[in-house]
């Protein structure tokens, strides 16, 4: 398992490698980091982390 932190807070967890890989991450944090489109998170009424699995 690999854990990525941002400002001391866990943001992404990665399990496995290559073709067998699972990634669990905070979707709202990713959106906020890559663009100003946090509206997607606001529409869902979330004021907390929203985790996604790929």
PDB file of N, CA and C in Angstrom:
ATOM      1  N   UNK A   1       0.843  -1.174   0.000  1.00  0.00           N
ATOM      2  CA  UNK A   1       0.000   0.000   0.000  1.00  0.00           C
ATOM      3  C   UNK A   1       0.888   1.236   0.000  1.00  0.00           C
ATOM      4  N   UNK A   2       0.520   2.193  -0.816  1.00  0.00           N
ATOM      5  CA  UNK A   2       1.198   3.483  -0.855  1.00  0.00           C
ATOM      6  C   UNK A   2       0.175   4.533  -0.452  1.00  0.00           C
ATOM      7  N   UNK A   3       0.546   5.408   0.481  1.00  0.00           N
ATOM      8  CA  UNK A   3      -0.360   6.453   0.950  1.00  0.00           C
ATOM      9  C   UNK A   3       0.237   7.805   0.590  1.00  0.00           C
ATOM     10  N   UNK A   4      -0.561   8.673  -0.018  1.00  0.00           N
ATOM     11  CA  UNK A   4      -0.129  10.024  -0.360  1.00  0.00           C
ATOM     12  C   UNK A   4      -0.836  11.007   0.566  1.00  0.00           C
ATOM     13  N   UNK A   5      -0.060  11.906   1.145  1.00  0.00           N
ATOM     14  CA  UNK A   5      -0.599  12.902   2.064  1.00  0.00           C
ATOM     15  C   UNK A   5      -0.527  14.292   1.448  1.00  0.00           C
ATOM     16  N   UNK A   6      -1.444  15.139   1.829  1.00  0.00           N
ATOM     17  CA  UNK A   6      -1.397  16.553   1.452  1.00  0.00           C
ATOM     18  C   UNK A   6      -1.793  17.337   2.691  1.00  0.00           C
ATOM     19  N   UNK A   7      -0.918  18.222   3.135  1.00  0.00           N
ATOM     20  CA  UNK A   7      -1.140  19.009   4.351  1.00  0.00           C
ATOM     21  C   UNK A   7      -1.400  18.097   5.553  1.00  0.00           C
ATOM     22  N   UNK A   8      -0.687  16.969   5.610  1.00  0.00           N
ATOM     23  CA  UNK A   8      -0.803  16.044   6.727  1.00  0.00           C
ATOM     24  C   UNK A   8      -2.054  15.184   6.724  1.00  0.00           C
ATOM     25  N   UNK A   9      -2.830  15.253   5.649  1.00  0.00           N
ATOM     26  CA  UNK A   9      -4.092  14.505   5.561  1.00  0.00           C
ATOM     27  C   UNK A   9      -4.007  13.492   4.427  1.00  0.00           C
ATOM     28  N   UNK A  10      -4.436  12.260   4.687  1.00  0.00           N
ATOM     29  CA  UNK A  10      -4.428  11.228   3.644  1.00  0.00           C
ATOM     30  C   UNK A  10      -5.348  11.647   2.506  1.00  0.00           C
ATOM     31  N   UNK A  11      -4.822  11.575   1.279  1.00  0.00           N
ATOM     32  CA  UNK A  11      -5.614  11.973   0.119  1.00  0.00           C
ATOM     33  C   UNK A  11      -5.789  10.812  -0.858  1.00  0.00           C
ATOM     34  N   UNK A  12      -4.778   9.946  -0.978  1.00  0.00           N
ATOM     35  CA  UNK A  12      -4.838   8.821  -1.912  1.00  0.00           C
ATOM     36  C   UNK A  12      -4.187   7.592  -1.292  1.00  0.00           C
ATOM     37  N   UNK A  13      -4.819   6.440  -1.508  1.00  0.00           N
ATOM     38  CA  UNK A  13      -4.248   5.153  -1.131  1.00  0.00           C
ATOM     39  C   UNK A  13      -4.168   4.319  -2.398  1.00  0.00           C
ATOM     40  N   UNK A  14      -3.026   3.692  -2.630  1.00  0.00           N
ATOM     41  CA  UNK A  14      -2.855   2.856  -3.823  1.00  0.00           C
ATOM     42  C   UNK A  14      -2.413   1.462  -3.398  1.00  0.00           C
ATOM     43  N   UNK A  15      -3.095   0.453  -3.938  1.00  0.00           N
ATOM     44  CA  UNK A  15      -2.794  -0.942  -3.641  1.00  0.00           C
ATOM     45  C   UNK A  15      -2.473  -1.649  -4.948  1.00  0.00           C
ATOM     46  N   UNK A  16      -1.374  -2.383  -5.013  1.00  0.00           N
ATOM     47  CA  UNK A  16      -1.008  -3.149  -6.197  1.00  0.00           C
ATOM     48  C   UNK A  16      -0.195  -2.333  -7.187  1.00  0.00           C
ATOM     49  N   UNK A  17       0.050  -2.957  -8.357  1.00  0.00           N
ATOM     50  CA  UNK A  17       0.832  -2.329  -9.430  1.00  0.00           C
ATOM     51  C   UNK A  17       0.397  -2.864 -10.771  1.00  0.00           C
ATOM     52  N   UNK A  18       0.796  -2.172 -11.823  1.00  0.00           N
ATOM     53  CA  UNK A  18       0.562  -2.644 -13.185  1.00  0.00           C
ATOM     54  C   UNK A  18      -0.907  -2.871 -13.490  1.00  0.00           C
ATOM     55  N   UNK A  19      -1.211  -4.060 -14.006  1.00  0.00           N
ATOM     56  CA  UNK A  19      -2.580  -4.363 -14.416  1.00  0.00           C
ATOM     57  C   UNK A  19      -3.511  -4.646 -13.239  1.00  0.00           C
ATOM     58  N   UNK A  20      -2.946  -4.902 -12.075  1.00  0.00           N
ATOM     59  CA  UNK A  20      -3.754  -5.156 -10.885  1.00  0.00           C
ATOM     60  C   UNK A  20      -3.512  -4.023  -9.885  1.00  0.00           C
ATOM     61  N   UNK A  21      -4.330  -2.982  -9.997  1.00  0.00           N
ATOM     62  CA  UNK A  21      -4.134  -1.766  -9.214  1.00  0.00           C
ATOM     63  C   UNK A  21      -5.474  -1.251  -8.718  1.00  0.00           C
ATOM     64  N   UNK A  22      -5.536  -0.875  -7.459  1.00  0.00           N
ATOM     65  CA  UNK A  22      -6.724  -0.262  -6.887  1.00  0.00           C
ATOM     66  C   UNK A  22      -6.299   1.075  -6.304  1.00  0.00           C
ATOM     67  N   UNK A  23      -7.048   2.110  -6.609  1.00  0.00           N
ATOM     68  CA  UNK A  23      -6.741   3.441  -6.102  1.00  0.00           C
ATOM     69  C   UNK A  23      -7.981   3.989  -5.414  1.00  0.00           C
ATOM     70  N   UNK A  24      -7.812   4.454  -4.190  1.00  0.00           N
ATOM     71  CA  UNK A  24      -8.869   5.061  -3.398  1.00  0.00           C
ATOM     72  C   UNK A  24      -8.436   6.494  -3.138  1.00  0.00           C
ATOM     73  N   UNK A  25      -9.259   7.473  -3.547  1.00  0.00           N
ATOM     74  CA  UNK A  25      -8.830   8.857  -3.400  1.00  0.00           C
ATOM     75  C   UNK A  25      -9.999   9.784  -3.108  1.00  0.00           C
ATOM     76  N   UNK A  26      -9.660  10.957  -2.570  1.00  0.00           N
ATOM     77  CA  UNK A  26     -10.634  11.989  -2.236  1.00  0.00           C
ATOM     78  C   UNK A  26     -10.940  12.779  -3.505  1.00  0.00           C
ATOM     79  N   UNK A  27     -12.099  12.543  -4.100  1.00  0.00           N
ATOM     80  CA  UNK A  27     -12.466  13.144  -5.382  1.00  0.00           C
ATOM     81  C   UNK A  27     -12.574  14.665  -5.292  1.00  0.00           C
ATOM     82  N   UNK A  28     -13.173  15.203  -4.241  1.00  0.00           N
ATOM     83  CA  UNK A  28     -13.301  16.659  -4.117  1.00  0.00           C
ATOM     84  C   UNK A  28     -11.933  17.326  -3.990  1.00  0.00           C
ATOM     85  N   UNK A  29     -11.018  16.687  -3.278  1.00  0.00           N
ATOM     86  CA  UNK A  29      -9.667  17.236  -3.153  1.00  0.00           C
ATOM     87  C   UNK A  29      -8.972  17.238  -4.508  1.00  0.00           C
ATOM     88  N   UNK A  30      -9.171  16.176  -5.311  1.00  0.00           N
ATOM     89  CA  UNK A  30      -8.576  16.108  -6.642  1.00  0.00           C
ATOM     90  C   UNK A  30      -9.134  17.212  -7.538  1.00  0.00           C
ATOM     91  N   UNK A  31     -10.445  17.416  -7.509  1.00  0.00           N
ATOM     92  CA  UNK A  31     -11.069  18.463  -8.325  1.00  0.00           C
ATOM     93  C   UNK A  31     -10.550  19.834  -7.907  1.00  0.00           C
ATOM     94  N   UNK A  32     -10.496  20.096  -6.611  1.00  0.00           N
ATOM     95  CA  UNK A  32     -10.027  21.387  -6.110  1.00  0.00           C
ATOM     96  C   UNK A  32      -8.583  21.646  -6.501  1.00  0.00           C
ATOM     97  N   UNK A  33      -7.770  20.594  -6.546  1.00  0.00           N
ATOM     98  CA  UNK A  33      -6.359  20.736  -6.882  1.00  0.00           C
ATOM     99  C   UNK A  33      -6.151  20.991  -8.371  1.00  0.00           C
ATOM    100  N   UNK A  34      -6.949  20.324  -9.222  1.00  0.00           N
ATOM    101  CA  UNK A  34      -6.744  20.404 -10.666  1.00  0.00           C
ATOM    102  C   UNK A  34      -7.532  21.519 -11.337  1.00  0.00           C
ATOM    103  N   UNK A  35      -8.606  21.987 -10.714  1.00  0.00           N
ATOM    104  CA  UNK A  35      -9.411  23.060 -11.305  1.00  0.00           C
ATOM    105  C   UNK A  35     -10.246  23.711 -10.218  1.00  0.00           C
ATOM    106  N   UNK A  36     -10.979  24.713 -10.604  1.00  0.00           N
ATOM    107  CA  UNK A  36     -11.848  25.405  -9.651  1.00  0.00           C
ATOM    108  C   UNK A  36     -13.268  24.862  -9.722  1.00  0.00           C
ATOM    109  N   UNK A  37     -13.435  23.652 -10.237  1.00  0.00           N
ATOM    110  CA  UNK A  37     -14.763  23.078 -10.445  1.00  0.00           C
ATOM    111  C   UNK A  37     -15.268  22.330  -9.215  1.00  0.00           C
ATOM    112  N   UNK A  38     -15.133  22.923  -8.050  1.00  0.00           N
ATOM    113  CA  UNK A  38     -15.619  22.279  -6.833  1.00  0.00           C
ATOM    114  C   UNK A  38     -17.139  22.290  -6.790  1.00  0.00           C
ATOM    115  N   UNK A  39     -17.756  22.941  -7.746  1.00  0.00           N
ATOM    116  CA  UNK A  39     -19.216  22.991  -7.848  1.00  0.00           C
ATOM    117  C   UNK A  39     -19.806  21.578  -7.852  1.00  0.00           C
ATOM    118  N   UNK A  40     -19.136  20.624  -8.494  1.00  0.00           N
ATOM    119  CA  UNK A  40     -19.620  19.241  -8.531  1.00  0.00           C
ATOM    120  C   UNK A  40     -19.794  18.682  -7.128  1.00  0.00           C
ATOM    121  N   UNK A  41     -18.891  18.996  -6.243  1.00  0.00           N
ATOM    122  CA  UNK A  41     -18.993  18.521  -4.863  1.00  0.00           C
ATOM    123  C   UNK A  41     -20.076  19.292  -4.120  1.00  0.00           C
ATOM    124  N   UNK A  42     -20.178  20.593  -4.403  1.00  0.00           N
ATOM    125  CA  UNK A  42     -21.191  21.414  -3.751  1.00  0.00           C
ATOM    126  C   UNK A  42     -22.598  20.971  -4.136  1.00  0.00           C
ATOM    127  N   UNK A  43     -22.790  20.533  -5.379  1.00  0.00           N
ATOM    128  CA  UNK A  43     -24.102  20.087  -5.842  1.00  0.00           C
ATOM    129  C   UNK A  43     -24.586  18.872  -5.067  1.00  0.00           C
ATOM    130  N   UNK A  44     -23.660  18.060  -4.632  1.00  0.00           N
ATOM    131  CA  UNK A  44     -24.028  16.858  -3.882  1.00  0.00           C
ATOM    132  C   UNK A  44     -24.280  17.169  -2.410  1.00  0.00           C
ATOM    133  N   UNK A  45     -24.092  18.425  -2.047  1.00  0.00           N
ATOM    134  CA  UNK A  45     -24.336  18.816  -0.660  1.00  0.00           C
ATOM    135  C   UNK A  45     -23.278  18.315   0.295  1.00  0.00           C
ATOM    136  N   UNK A  46     -22.084  18.082  -0.218  1.00  0.00           N
ATOM    137  CA  UNK A  46     -21.028  17.560   0.646  1.00  0.00           C
ATOM    138  C   UNK A  46     -20.143  18.691   1.129  1.00  0.00           C
ATOM    139  N   UNK A  47     -19.920  18.746   2.402  1.00  0.00           N
ATOM    140  CA  UNK A  47     -18.937  19.672   2.953  1.00  0.00           C
ATOM    141  C   UNK A  47     -17.825  18.855   3.604  1.00  0.00           C
ATOM    142  N   UNK A  48     -17.735  17.593   3.169  1.00  0.00           N
ATOM    143  CA  UNK A  48     -16.726  16.679   3.697  1.00  0.00           C
ATOM    144  C   UNK A  48     -16.084  15.933   2.527  1.00  0.00           C
ATOM    145  N   UNK A  49     -15.162  15.062   2.823  1.00  0.00           N
ATOM    146  CA  UNK A  49     -14.464  14.307   1.782  1.00  0.00           C
ATOM    147  C   UNK A  49     -15.423  13.376   1.043  1.00  0.00           C
ATOM    148  N   UNK A  50     -15.189  13.214  -0.254  1.00  0.00           N
ATOM    149  CA  UNK A  50     -15.948  12.258  -1.057  1.00  0.00           C
ATOM    150  C   UNK A  50     -14.925  11.313  -1.680  1.00  0.00           C
ATOM    151  N   UNK A  51     -14.910  10.057  -1.267  1.00  0.00           N
ATOM    152  CA  UNK A  51     -13.914   9.095  -1.714  1.00  0.00           C
ATOM    153  C   UNK A  51     -14.396   8.332  -2.929  1.00  0.00           C
ATOM    154  N   UNK A  52     -13.457   8.033  -3.830  1.00  0.00           N
ATOM    155  CA  UNK A  52     -13.762   7.288  -5.051  1.00  0.00           C
ATOM    156  C   UNK A  52     -12.787   6.117  -5.163  1.00  0.00           C
ATOM    157  N   UNK A  53     -13.263   5.009  -5.732  1.00  0.00           N
ATOM    158  CA  UNK A  53     -12.419   3.828  -5.942  1.00  0.00           C
ATOM    159  C   UNK A  53     -12.312   3.571  -7.432  1.00  0.00           C
ATOM    160  N   UNK A  54     -11.099   3.354  -7.905  1.00  0.00           N
ATOM    161  CA  UNK A  54     -10.856   2.967  -9.308  1.00  0.00           C
ATOM    162  C   UNK A  54     -10.043   1.708  -9.314  1.00  0.00           C
TER     163      UNK A  54
END
